[in-house]
């Protein structure tokens, strides 16, 4: 009977400790886990992902996971991810896409296109088939005098480059996808993630 009670006691004790461990795991983040929150602070045990530099001595577990991927000297300091004003993306290479490495910062808020980035296209020049009525080209169109032939059906030379003016304002355009702003935080404490 004593052995049965000891076994029962041991079983209940193990079950209790397992239940507590499971509960603790469910409520405790992995070190380095990232979350998005709708408030303007990082709770205790978390930090904002704002690129801040932290001392390795007081954050050894997190440094073991991040290294100097996001900054720091690797001797006494390391950096947290800097995601202010940025979207995040999974590292690696998707089918037909270019590879992306941890810690890379790419992209621009605004882009000014140049002529090499525009699709190939042509511009036609407008003219009038009426009789000419001015000696000035300013604000007017080419017109054909009634007896003079000035047109041919085959264009074999280029006109002066400034005979057709550029259009557009050469201003940068917004290059951002629709978004909602939250704060990104990273766990400084918690469970060290296992690789298996």
C-alpha atoms as a PDB file:
ATOM      1  CA  UNK A   1       0.000   0.000   0.000  1.00  0.00           C
ATOM      2  CA  UNK A   2       2.861   2.406   0.857  1.00  0.00           C
ATOM      3  CA  UNK A   3       4.465   1.761  -2.553  1.00  0.00           C
ATOM      4  CA  UNK A   4       1.137   2.414  -4.275  1.00  0.00           C
ATOM      5  CA  UNK A   5       0.722   5.715  -2.418  1.00  0.00           C
ATOM      6  CA  UNK A   6       4.310   6.730  -3.238  1.00  0.00           C
ATOM      7  CA  UNK A   7       3.739   5.911  -6.914  1.00  0.00           C
ATOM      8  CA  UNK A   8       0.421   7.755  -6.918  1.00  0.00           C
ATOM      9  CA  UNK A   9       2.043  10.735  -5.187  1.00  0.00           C
ATOM     10  CA  UNK A  10       4.914  10.764  -7.662  1.00  0.00           C
ATOM     11  CA  UNK A  11       2.498  10.507 -10.605  1.00  0.00           C
ATOM     12  CA  UNK A  12       0.364  13.388  -9.322  1.00  0.00           C
ATOM     13  CA  UNK A  13       3.507  15.468  -8.692  1.00  0.00           C
ATOM     14  CA  UNK A  14       4.833  14.817 -12.207  1.00  0.00           C
ATOM     15  CA  UNK A  15       1.451  15.540 -13.758  1.00  0.00           C
ATOM     16  CA  UNK A  16       1.228  18.817 -11.823  1.00  0.00           C
ATOM     17  CA  UNK A  17       4.703  19.909 -12.845  1.00  0.00           C
ATOM     18  CA  UNK A  18       4.003  18.986 -16.472  1.00  0.00           C
ATOM     19  CA  UNK A  19       0.756  20.965 -16.399  1.00  0.00           C
ATOM     20  CA  UNK A  20       2.573  23.971 -14.945  1.00  0.00           C
ATOM     21  CA  UNK A  21       5.367  23.670 -17.515  1.00  0.00           C
ATOM     22  CA  UNK A  22       2.899  23.453 -20.391  1.00  0.00           C
ATOM     23  CA  UNK A  23       1.022  26.458 -19.064  1.00  0.00           C
ATOM     24  CA  UNK A  24       4.251  28.417 -18.575  1.00  0.00           C
ATOM     25  CA  UNK A  25       5.323  27.631 -22.134  1.00  0.00           C
ATOM     26  CA  UNK A  26       1.983  28.762 -23.532  1.00  0.00           C
ATOM     27  CA  UNK A  27       2.274  32.126 -21.759  1.00  0.00           C
ATOM     28  CA  UNK A  28       5.992  32.774 -22.258  1.00  0.00           C
ATOM     29  CA  UNK A  29       7.416  33.910 -25.618  1.00  0.00           C
ATOM     30  CA  UNK A  30      10.479  32.547 -27.337  1.00  0.00           C
ATOM     31  CA  UNK A  31      13.490  34.838 -26.912  1.00  0.00           C
ATOM     32  CA  UNK A  32      13.674  36.905 -30.106  1.00  0.00           C
ATOM     33  CA  UNK A  33       9.998  36.394 -30.929  1.00  0.00           C
ATOM     34  CA  UNK A  34       8.538  39.387 -32.754  1.00  0.00           C
ATOM     35  CA  UNK A  35       5.006  40.694 -32.249  1.00  0.00           C
ATOM     36  CA  UNK A  36       2.936  43.653 -33.425  1.00  0.00           C
ATOM     37  CA  UNK A  37       1.079  45.717 -30.825  1.00  0.00           C
ATOM     38  CA  UNK A  38      -1.389  48.619 -31.080  1.00  0.00           C
ATOM     39  CA  UNK A  39       0.119  50.657 -28.232  1.00  0.00           C
ATOM     40  CA  UNK A  40       3.189  52.907 -28.082  1.00  0.00           C
ATOM     41  CA  UNK A  41       5.436  51.046 -25.637  1.00  0.00           C
ATOM     42  CA  UNK A  42       7.166  47.705 -25.212  1.00  0.00           C
ATOM     43  CA  UNK A  43       5.946  45.671 -22.212  1.00  0.00           C
ATOM     44  CA  UNK A  44       8.389  44.405 -19.580  1.00  0.00           C
ATOM     45  CA  UNK A  45      10.741  41.824 -21.106  1.00  0.00           C
ATOM     46  CA  UNK A  46      10.237  43.198 -24.637  1.00  0.00           C
ATOM     47  CA  UNK A  47      11.857  46.031 -26.638  1.00  0.00           C
ATOM     48  CA  UNK A  48      10.774  48.070 -29.640  1.00  0.00           C
ATOM     49  CA  UNK A  49      12.273  46.944 -32.957  1.00  0.00           C
ATOM     50  CA  UNK A  50      13.794  50.360 -33.537  1.00  0.00           C
ATOM     51  CA  UNK A  51      17.402  49.411 -34.253  1.00  0.00           C
ATOM     52  CA  UNK A  52      18.626  50.178 -30.752  1.00  0.00           C
ATOM     53  CA  UNK A  53      22.041  48.859 -29.711  1.00  0.00           C
ATOM     54  CA  UNK A  54      22.031  46.654 -26.592  1.00  0.00           C
ATOM     55  CA  UNK A  55      24.841  45.365 -24.341  1.00  0.00           C
ATOM     56  CA  UNK A  56      25.661  41.701 -24.915  1.00  0.00           C
ATOM     57  CA  UNK A  57      26.451  41.189 -21.210  1.00  0.00           C
ATOM     58  CA  UNK A  58      22.829  41.689 -20.142  1.00  0.00           C
ATOM     59  CA  UNK A  59      21.239  40.043 -23.221  1.00  0.00           C
ATOM     60  CA  UNK A  60      23.435  37.015 -23.931  1.00  0.00           C
ATOM     61  CA  UNK A  61      20.623  34.680 -24.985  1.00  0.00           C
ATOM     62  CA  UNK A  62      19.201  37.161 -27.490  1.00  0.00           C
ATOM     63  CA  UNK A  63      22.698  37.925 -28.808  1.00  0.00           C
ATOM     64  CA  UNK A  64      23.253  34.179 -29.310  1.00  0.00           C
ATOM     65  CA  UNK A  65      20.248  34.217 -31.666  1.00  0.00           C
ATOM     66  CA  UNK A  66      20.718  37.541 -33.480  1.00  0.00           C
ATOM     67  CA  UNK A  67      24.490  38.019 -33.489  1.00  0.00           C
ATOM     68  CA  UNK A  68      25.382  41.238 -35.310  1.00  0.00           C
ATOM     69  CA  UNK A  69      22.812  40.741 -38.091  1.00  0.00           C
ATOM     70  CA  UNK A  70      21.170  44.036 -37.129  1.00  0.00           C
ATOM     71  CA  UNK A  71      24.236  45.971 -35.938  1.00  0.00           C
ATOM     72  CA  UNK A  72      26.599  46.275 -33.007  1.00  0.00           C
ATOM     73  CA  UNK A  73      30.284  45.443 -32.727  1.00  0.00           C
ATOM     74  CA  UNK A  74      29.853  41.791 -31.657  1.00  0.00           C
ATOM     75  CA  UNK A  75      32.241  42.251 -28.713  1.00  0.00           C
ATOM     76  CA  UNK A  76      30.173  44.293 -26.277  1.00  0.00           C
ATOM     77  CA  UNK A  77      27.078  45.292 -28.256  1.00  0.00           C
ATOM     78  CA  UNK A  78      24.543  44.014 -30.786  1.00  0.00           C
ATOM     79  CA  UNK A  79      21.567  45.585 -32.540  1.00  0.00           C
ATOM     80  CA  UNK A  80      17.855  44.907 -32.640  1.00  0.00           C
ATOM     81  CA  UNK A  81      15.982  44.868 -35.953  1.00  0.00           C
ATOM     82  CA  UNK A  82      15.081  48.342 -37.259  1.00  0.00           C
ATOM     83  CA  UNK A  83      11.590  48.152 -38.757  1.00  0.00           C
ATOM     84  CA  UNK A  84      10.323  51.711 -38.257  1.00  0.00           C
ATOM     85  CA  UNK A  85       8.647  52.769 -41.493  1.00  0.00           C
ATOM     86  CA  UNK A  86       9.278  49.359 -43.106  1.00  0.00           C
ATOM     87  CA  UNK A  87       7.356  46.216 -43.869  1.00  0.00           C
ATOM     88  CA  UNK A  88       8.909  42.870 -42.989  1.00  0.00           C
ATOM     89  CA  UNK A  89       9.537  39.966 -45.325  1.00  0.00           C
ATOM     90  CA  UNK A  90      10.582  36.327 -44.890  1.00  0.00           C
ATOM     91  CA  UNK A  91      14.277  35.642 -45.629  1.00  0.00           C
ATOM     92  CA  UNK A  92      15.128  33.318 -48.495  1.00  0.00           C
ATOM     93  CA  UNK A  93      14.253  33.041 -52.157  1.00  0.00           C
ATOM     94  CA  UNK A  94      10.765  32.352 -53.449  1.00  0.00           C
ATOM     95  CA  UNK A  95      10.180  30.746 -56.862  1.00  0.00           C
ATOM     96  CA  UNK A  96      11.234  33.201 -59.576  1.00  0.00           C
ATOM     97  CA  UNK A  97      12.297  35.833 -57.019  1.00  0.00           C
ATOM     98  CA  UNK A  98      15.666  37.207 -55.948  1.00  0.00           C
ATOM     99  CA  UNK A  99      17.160  36.017 -52.636  1.00  0.00           C
ATOM    100  CA  UNK A 100      16.666  38.061 -49.461  1.00  0.00           C
ATOM    101  CA  UNK A 101      19.052  37.772 -46.493  1.00  0.00           C
ATOM    102  CA  UNK A 102      18.396  38.357 -42.794  1.00  0.00           C
ATOM    103  CA  UNK A 103      19.023  41.978 -41.871  1.00  0.00           C
ATOM    104  CA  UNK A 104      18.828  43.367 -45.423  1.00  0.00           C
ATOM    105  CA  UNK A 105      17.171  46.767 -45.829  1.00  0.00           C
ATOM    106  CA  UNK A 106      15.832  47.413 -49.317  1.00  0.00           C
ATOM    107  CA  UNK A 107      13.210  49.552 -51.030  1.00  0.00           C
ATOM    108  CA  UNK A 108      12.382  53.237 -51.281  1.00  0.00           C
ATOM    109  CA  UNK A 109       9.421  55.337 -50.152  1.00  0.00           C
ATOM    110  CA  UNK A 110       9.511  57.397 -53.338  1.00  0.00           C
ATOM    111  CA  UNK A 111      10.885  56.698 -56.804  1.00  0.00           C
ATOM    112  CA  UNK A 112      11.628  59.072 -59.679  1.00  0.00           C
ATOM    113  CA  UNK A 113      11.474  57.178 -62.946  1.00  0.00           C
ATOM    114  CA  UNK A 114      13.871  58.013 -65.744  1.00  0.00           C
ATOM    115  CA  UNK A 115      13.371  57.465 -69.464  1.00  0.00           C
ATOM    116  CA  UNK A 116      15.168  54.085 -69.334  1.00  0.00           C
ATOM    117  CA  UNK A 117      12.526  52.758 -66.913  1.00  0.00           C
ATOM    118  CA  UNK A 118       9.547  53.726 -69.083  1.00  0.00           C
ATOM    119  CA  UNK A 119       7.996  51.302 -71.570  1.00  0.00           C
ATOM    120  CA  UNK A 120       9.152  51.797 -75.147  1.00  0.00           C
ATOM    121  CA  UNK A 121       6.650  54.015 -76.951  1.00  0.00           C
ATOM    122  CA  UNK A 122       6.309  56.620 -79.717  1.00  0.00           C
ATOM    123  CA  UNK A 123       4.829  60.093 -79.985  1.00  0.00           C
ATOM    124  CA  UNK A 124       3.042  61.258 -83.097  1.00  0.00           C
ATOM    125  CA  UNK A 125       3.271  64.792 -84.374  1.00  0.00           C
ATOM    126  CA  UNK A 126       0.001  66.511 -85.243  1.00  0.00           C
ATOM    127  CA  UNK A 127      -0.431  68.702 -88.326  1.00  0.00           C
ATOM    128  CA  UNK A 128      -3.214  70.530 -90.130  1.00  0.00           C
ATOM    129  CA  UNK A 129      -4.490  69.787 -93.635  1.00  0.00           C
ATOM    130  CA  UNK A 130      -5.803  73.365 -93.909  1.00  0.00           C
ATOM    131  CA  UNK A 131      -4.037  76.296 -95.545  1.00  0.00           C
ATOM    132  CA  UNK A 132      -1.289  77.996 -93.509  1.00  0.00           C
ATOM    133  CA  UNK A 133      -2.276  81.306 -91.871  1.00  0.00           C
ATOM    134  CA  UNK A 134       0.799  82.370 -89.847  1.00  0.00           C
ATOM    135  CA  UNK A 135       4.527  82.834 -90.326  1.00  0.00           C
ATOM    136  CA  UNK A 136       5.294  81.946 -86.681  1.00  0.00           C
ATOM    137  CA  UNK A 137       5.537  78.323 -85.515  1.00  0.00           C
ATOM    138  CA  UNK A 138       4.815  79.322 -81.890  1.00  0.00           C
ATOM    139  CA  UNK A 139       1.511  77.848 -80.734  1.00  0.00           C
ATOM    140  CA  UNK A 140       0.687  76.679 -84.264  1.00  0.00           C
ATOM    141  CA  UNK A 141       0.747  73.415 -86.218  1.00  0.00           C
ATOM    142  CA  UNK A 142       2.352  72.517 -89.510  1.00  0.00           C
ATOM    143  CA  UNK A 143       0.001  73.183 -92.397  1.00  0.00           C
ATOM    144  CA  UNK A 144       0.207  72.556 -96.118  1.00  0.00           C
ATOM    145  CA  UNK A 145       0.176  75.449 -98.554  1.00  0.00           C
ATOM    146  CA  UNK A 146      -2.240  74.746-101.352  1.00  0.00           C
ATOM    147  CA  UNK A 147       0.418  74.298-104.070  1.00  0.00           C
ATOM    148  CA  UNK A 148       3.556  73.313-102.160  1.00  0.00           C
ATOM    149  CA  UNK A 149       4.377  69.722-101.427  1.00  0.00           C
ATOM    150  CA  UNK A 150       6.092  69.421 -98.056  1.00  0.00           C
ATOM    151  CA  UNK A 151       5.119  65.859 -97.046  1.00  0.00           C
ATOM    152  CA  UNK A 152       6.384  62.402 -97.944  1.00  0.00           C
ATOM    153  CA  UNK A 153       5.066  58.996 -96.963  1.00  0.00           C
ATOM    154  CA  UNK A 154       8.401  57.597 -95.773  1.00  0.00           C
ATOM    155  CA  UNK A 155      10.298  59.095 -92.804  1.00  0.00           C
ATOM    156  CA  UNK A 156      14.009  58.443 -93.345  1.00  0.00           C
ATOM    157  CA  UNK A 157      15.687  61.161 -91.235  1.00  0.00           C
ATOM    158  CA  UNK A 158      15.172  62.403 -87.688  1.00  0.00           C
ATOM    159  CA  UNK A 159      13.936  65.894 -86.935  1.00  0.00           C
ATOM    160  CA  UNK A 160      15.674  68.001 -84.298  1.00  0.00           C
ATOM    161  CA  UNK A 161      15.268  66.475 -80.830  1.00  0.00           C
ATOM    162  CA  UNK A 162      13.576  69.600 -79.507  1.00  0.00           C
ATOM    163  CA  UNK A 163      10.872  69.627 -82.183  1.00  0.00           C
ATOM    164  CA  UNK A 164       8.721  67.545 -79.814  1.00  0.00           C
ATOM    165  CA  UNK A 165       9.067  68.561 -76.174  1.00  0.00           C
ATOM    166  CA  UNK A 166       9.226  66.324 -73.147  1.00  0.00           C
ATOM    167  CA  UNK A 167       6.103  65.908 -71.072  1.00  0.00           C
ATOM    168  CA  UNK A 168       5.870  65.261 -67.349  1.00  0.00           C
ATOM    169  CA  UNK A 169       7.150  66.897 -64.206  1.00  0.00           C
ATOM    170  CA  UNK A 170      10.014  64.521 -63.298  1.00  0.00           C
ATOM    171  CA  UNK A 171       8.665  64.288 -59.742  1.00  0.00           C
ATOM    172  CA  UNK A 172       8.998  61.271 -57.443  1.00  0.00           C
ATOM    173  CA  UNK A 173       5.896  59.152 -57.007  1.00  0.00           C
ATOM    174  CA  UNK A 174       4.750  57.320 -53.887  1.00  0.00           C
ATOM    175  CA  UNK A 175       6.007  53.740 -53.989  1.00  0.00           C
ATOM    176  CA  UNK A 176       4.261  52.368 -50.878  1.00  0.00           C
ATOM    177  CA  UNK A 177       1.598  49.715 -50.543  1.00  0.00           C
ATOM    178  CA  UNK A 178      -1.479  50.404 -48.394  1.00  0.00           C
ATOM    179  CA  UNK A 179      -0.604  49.993 -44.708  1.00  0.00           C
ATOM    180  CA  UNK A 180      -1.727  50.280 -41.094  1.00  0.00           C
ATOM    181  CA  UNK A 181       0.793  51.445 -38.491  1.00  0.00           C
ATOM    182  CA  UNK A 182       1.521  49.405 -35.334  1.00  0.00           C
ATOM    183  CA  UNK A 183       4.567  49.021 -33.077  1.00  0.00           C
ATOM    184  CA  UNK A 184       6.837  46.034 -33.580  1.00  0.00           C
ATOM    185  CA  UNK A 185       8.374  44.495 -30.443  1.00  0.00           C
ATOM    186  CA  UNK A 186      10.904  41.731 -29.797  1.00  0.00           C
ATOM    187  CA  UNK A 187      11.085  39.442 -26.742  1.00  0.00           C
ATOM    188  CA  UNK A 188      14.255  39.985 -24.689  1.00  0.00           C
ATOM    189  CA  UNK A 189      13.357  37.218 -22.224  1.00  0.00           C
ATOM    190  CA  UNK A 190      11.527  33.926 -22.399  1.00  0.00           C
ATOM    191  CA  UNK A 191      12.232  30.431 -23.652  1.00  0.00           C
ATOM    192  CA  UNK A 192      15.366  29.857 -25.706  1.00  0.00           C
ATOM    193  CA  UNK A 193      14.083  28.396 -29.004  1.00  0.00           C
ATOM    194  CA  UNK A 194      15.164  24.839 -29.783  1.00  0.00           C
ATOM    195  CA  UNK A 195      16.248  23.970 -33.326  1.00  0.00           C
ATOM    196  CA  UNK A 196      14.456  20.610 -33.218  1.00  0.00           C
END
